Amino acid sequence: MIHIHPVSDLRNNFPQIEAVVRGGEPVYLTKNGHGSMVVLSLEDYAELTSGIESRLDEADRAATQSDVRLTHDDVFANARSRL
């Protein structure tokens, strides 16, 4: 089930939102009827972002060893061709 709440619920009903998040579900917050943010547990966030930092470090090391620079168009064209 998708949990959508107004951002004011984060202040007014924090225990309820916390219970949902601790149960492993994200909570989507809205402001003025539009999506504003997502609340995740630290564990879910860590799982979602695991490996990204090491991949960025690897890319930085590779960039220092090469003079080749790609435009964003080149990068996205390469990514699209692999999909």
N, C-alpha and C. Protein backbone atom coordinates (compact mmCIF):
# COMPACT_ATOMS: atom_id res chain seq x y z
N MET A 1 0.84 -1.18 0.00
CA MET A 1 0.00 0.00 0.00
C MET A 1 0.89 1.24 0.00
N ILE A 2 0.56 2.19 -0.82
CA ILE A 2 1.32 3.44 -0.88
C ILE A 2 0.83 4.38 0.21
N HIS A 3 1.78 4.94 0.96
CA HIS A 3 1.45 5.84 2.05
C HIS A 3 1.76 7.27 1.62
N ILE A 4 0.71 8.07 1.44
CA ILE A 4 0.86 9.46 1.02
C ILE A 4 0.25 10.33 2.11
N HIS A 5 1.03 11.31 2.58
CA HIS A 5 0.57 12.20 3.65
C HIS A 5 0.99 13.63 3.33
N PRO A 6 0.24 14.60 3.82
CA PRO A 6 0.72 15.99 3.71
C PRO A 6 1.94 16.17 4.60
N VAL A 7 2.84 17.04 4.20
CA VAL A 7 4.08 17.25 4.94
C VAL A 7 3.80 17.65 6.39
N SER A 8 2.68 18.29 6.65
CA SER A 8 2.33 18.68 8.03
C SER A 8 2.17 17.46 8.93
N ASP A 9 1.84 16.30 8.36
CA ASP A 9 1.73 15.09 9.17
C ASP A 9 3.07 14.66 9.75
N LEU A 10 4.14 15.07 9.14
CA LEU A 10 5.45 14.73 9.67
C LEU A 10 5.62 15.34 11.06
N ARG A 11 5.10 16.52 11.24
CA ARG A 11 5.15 17.19 12.55
C ARG A 11 4.01 16.73 13.44
N ASN A 12 2.81 16.67 12.89
CA ASN A 12 1.63 16.41 13.71
C ASN A 12 1.40 14.93 14.04
N ASN A 13 1.85 14.04 13.18
CA ASN A 13 1.62 12.60 13.38
C ASN A 13 2.91 11.80 13.20
N PHE A 14 4.00 12.32 13.74
CA PHE A 14 5.29 11.67 13.55
C PHE A 14 5.31 10.20 13.96
N PRO A 15 4.77 9.83 15.12
CA PRO A 15 4.82 8.42 15.51
C PRO A 15 4.16 7.49 14.48
N GLN A 16 3.06 7.94 13.89
CA GLN A 16 2.36 7.14 12.89
C GLN A 16 3.23 6.96 11.63
N ILE A 17 3.85 8.03 11.18
CA ILE A 17 4.72 7.96 10.00
C ILE A 17 5.95 7.13 10.31
N GLU A 18 6.50 7.32 11.50
CA GLU A 18 7.68 6.55 11.90
C GLU A 18 7.37 5.05 11.90
N ALA A 19 6.20 4.67 12.36
CA ALA A 19 5.82 3.26 12.40
C ALA A 19 5.77 2.67 10.99
N VAL A 20 5.24 3.43 10.05
CA VAL A 20 5.17 2.95 8.66
C VAL A 20 6.58 2.76 8.10
N VAL A 21 7.44 3.75 8.33
CA VAL A 21 8.81 3.70 7.82
C VAL A 21 9.58 2.56 8.47
N ARG A 22 9.43 2.39 9.77
CA ARG A 22 10.11 1.29 10.47
C ARG A 22 9.59 -0.07 9.99
N GLY A 23 8.39 -0.09 9.47
CA GLY A 23 7.83 -1.31 8.91
C GLY A 23 8.34 -1.63 7.52
N GLY A 24 9.24 -0.80 7.01
CA GLY A 24 9.86 -1.07 5.72
C GLY A 24 9.21 -0.40 4.53
N GLU A 25 8.25 0.46 4.77
CA GLU A 25 7.56 1.15 3.67
C GLU A 25 7.98 2.62 3.62
N PRO A 26 8.14 3.19 2.43
CA PRO A 26 8.40 4.62 2.35
C PRO A 26 7.10 5.41 2.56
N VAL A 27 7.24 6.64 2.99
CA VAL A 27 6.10 7.54 3.13
C VAL A 27 6.34 8.71 2.18
N TYR A 28 5.40 8.95 1.30
CA TYR A 28 5.48 10.04 0.34
C TYR A 28 4.78 11.25 0.95
N LEU A 29 5.48 12.38 1.00
CA LEU A 29 4.90 13.59 1.57
C LEU A 29 4.56 14.58 0.47
N THR A 30 3.43 15.24 0.65
CA THR A 30 2.99 16.24 -0.32
C THR A 30 2.95 17.62 0.33
N LYS A 31 3.10 18.62 -0.49
CA LYS A 31 2.97 20.02 -0.06
C LYS A 31 2.08 20.70 -1.07
N ASN A 32 1.00 21.26 -0.60
CA ASN A 32 0.02 21.91 -1.48
C ASN A 32 -0.47 20.96 -2.58
N GLY A 33 -0.61 19.68 -2.21
CA GLY A 33 -1.15 18.70 -3.13
C GLY A 33 -0.17 18.13 -4.14
N HIS A 34 1.09 18.54 -4.06
CA HIS A 34 2.11 18.05 -5.00
C HIS A 34 3.18 17.29 -4.22
N GLY A 35 3.78 16.29 -4.86
CA GLY A 35 4.85 15.52 -4.23
C GLY A 35 5.98 16.42 -3.79
N SER A 36 6.46 16.20 -2.57
CA SER A 36 7.52 17.03 -2.02
C SER A 36 8.75 16.21 -1.65
N MET A 37 8.55 15.10 -0.95
CA MET A 37 9.68 14.29 -0.52
C MET A 37 9.22 12.90 -0.12
N VAL A 38 10.22 12.03 0.09
CA VAL A 38 9.97 10.67 0.52
C VAL A 38 10.75 10.43 1.80
N VAL A 39 10.11 9.79 2.78
CA VAL A 39 10.78 9.44 4.03
C VAL A 39 11.07 7.95 4.00
N LEU A 40 12.35 7.61 4.22
CA LEU A 40 12.80 6.22 4.25
C LEU A 40 13.53 5.95 5.55
N SER A 41 13.59 4.68 5.93
CA SER A 41 14.42 4.32 7.08
C SER A 41 15.88 4.45 6.66
N LEU A 42 16.77 4.56 7.64
CA LEU A 42 18.20 4.63 7.33
C LEU A 42 18.66 3.36 6.63
N GLU A 43 18.12 2.22 7.03
CA GLU A 43 18.49 0.96 6.40
C GLU A 43 18.08 0.93 4.93
N ASP A 44 16.87 1.36 4.64
CA ASP A 44 16.40 1.38 3.25
C ASP A 44 17.20 2.36 2.41
N TYR A 45 17.53 3.52 3.00
CA TYR A 45 18.33 4.50 2.28
C TYR A 45 19.73 3.95 2.00
N ALA A 46 20.34 3.31 2.99
CA ALA A 46 21.68 2.73 2.81
C ALA A 46 21.66 1.67 1.72
N GLU A 47 20.63 0.84 1.70
CA GLU A 47 20.51 -0.19 0.66
C GLU A 47 20.36 0.44 -0.72
N LEU A 48 19.58 1.49 -0.78
CA LEU A 48 19.33 2.17 -2.05
C LEU A 48 20.60 2.81 -2.60
N THR A 49 21.45 3.34 -1.73
CA THR A 49 22.62 4.07 -2.18
C THR A 49 23.92 3.28 -2.06
N SER A 50 23.84 2.03 -1.61
CA SER A 50 25.07 1.25 -1.42
C SER A 50 25.80 1.10 -2.75
N GLY A 51 27.08 1.27 -2.68
CA GLY A 51 27.91 1.13 -3.86
C GLY A 51 28.09 2.38 -4.68
N ILE A 52 27.22 3.34 -4.52
CA ILE A 52 27.31 4.56 -5.35
C ILE A 52 28.59 5.32 -5.04
N GLU A 53 28.91 5.48 -3.76
CA GLU A 53 30.10 6.24 -3.38
C GLU A 53 31.36 5.59 -3.93
N SER A 54 31.46 4.27 -3.83
CA SER A 54 32.66 3.59 -4.35
C SER A 54 32.73 3.69 -5.88
N ARG A 55 31.59 3.66 -6.54
CA ARG A 55 31.60 3.81 -8.01
C ARG A 55 32.02 5.22 -8.42
N LEU A 56 31.59 6.21 -7.66
CA LEU A 56 32.01 7.58 -7.95
C LEU A 56 33.51 7.74 -7.72
N ASP A 57 34.04 7.14 -6.65
CA ASP A 57 35.48 7.19 -6.40
C ASP A 57 36.25 6.52 -7.54
N GLU A 58 35.74 5.38 -8.01
CA GLU A 58 36.36 4.67 -9.12
C GLU A 58 36.36 5.53 -10.38
N ALA A 59 35.26 6.22 -10.63
CA ALA A 59 35.16 7.10 -11.81
C ALA A 59 36.13 8.26 -11.68
N ASP A 60 36.28 8.81 -10.48
CA ASP A 60 37.25 9.90 -10.28
C ASP A 60 38.67 9.43 -10.57
N ARG A 61 39.01 8.23 -10.10
CA ARG A 61 40.36 7.68 -10.35
C ARG A 61 40.57 7.48 -11.85
N ALA A 62 39.57 6.94 -12.53
CA ALA A 62 39.68 6.72 -13.97
C ALA A 62 39.84 8.04 -14.71
N ALA A 63 39.15 9.06 -14.27
CA ALA A 63 39.21 10.37 -14.93
C ALA A 63 40.59 10.99 -14.80
N THR A 64 41.27 10.74 -13.68
CA THR A 64 42.61 11.31 -13.51
C THR A 64 43.64 10.60 -14.39
N GLN A 65 43.31 9.42 -14.88
CA GLN A 65 44.24 8.63 -15.69
C GLN A 65 43.98 8.78 -17.19
N SER A 66 43.02 9.61 -17.56
CA SER A 66 42.68 9.77 -18.98
C SER A 66 42.34 11.22 -19.28
N ASP A 67 42.69 11.65 -20.48
CA ASP A 67 42.33 13.00 -20.93
C ASP A 67 41.01 13.01 -21.68
N VAL A 68 40.40 11.85 -21.88
CA VAL A 68 39.14 11.75 -22.63
C VAL A 68 38.01 12.30 -21.76
N ARG A 69 37.23 13.19 -22.32
CA ARG A 69 36.06 13.75 -21.63
C ARG A 69 34.86 13.60 -22.57
N LEU A 70 33.75 13.14 -22.03
CA LEU A 70 32.54 12.93 -22.83
C LEU A 70 31.52 14.00 -22.50
N THR A 71 30.76 14.39 -23.51
CA THR A 71 29.65 15.31 -23.27
C THR A 71 28.49 14.49 -22.69
N HIS A 72 27.52 15.19 -22.13
CA HIS A 72 26.36 14.46 -21.60
C HIS A 72 25.62 13.74 -22.73
N ASP A 73 25.62 14.32 -23.93
CA ASP A 73 24.98 13.65 -25.07
C ASP A 73 25.66 12.32 -25.38
N ASP A 74 26.99 12.30 -25.33
CA ASP A 74 27.73 11.06 -25.57
C ASP A 74 27.42 10.01 -24.49
N VAL A 75 27.40 10.44 -23.25
CA VAL A 75 27.13 9.52 -22.14
C VAL A 75 25.75 8.90 -22.28
N PHE A 76 24.75 9.73 -22.55
CA PHE A 76 23.39 9.21 -22.66
C PHE A 76 23.21 8.36 -23.92
N ALA A 77 23.88 8.70 -24.99
CA ALA A 77 23.81 7.88 -26.20
C ALA A 77 24.42 6.50 -25.94
N ASN A 78 25.55 6.46 -25.22
CA ASN A 78 26.15 5.18 -24.85
C ASN A 78 25.22 4.36 -23.96
N ALA A 79 24.61 5.02 -23.00
CA ALA A 79 23.70 4.31 -22.08
C ALA A 79 22.49 3.77 -22.85
N ARG A 80 21.92 4.59 -23.74
CA ARG A 80 20.76 4.14 -24.50
C ARG A 80 21.10 2.95 -25.40
N SER A 81 22.29 2.96 -25.96
CA SER A 81 22.67 1.87 -26.87
C SER A 81 22.82 0.55 -26.11
N ARG A 82 23.11 0.62 -24.83
CA ARG A 82 23.25 -0.60 -24.02
C ARG A 82 21.93 -1.13 -23.53
N LEU A 83 20.91 -0.29 -23.55
CA LEU A 83 19.58 -0.73 -23.11
C LEU A 83 18.90 -1.37 -24.29
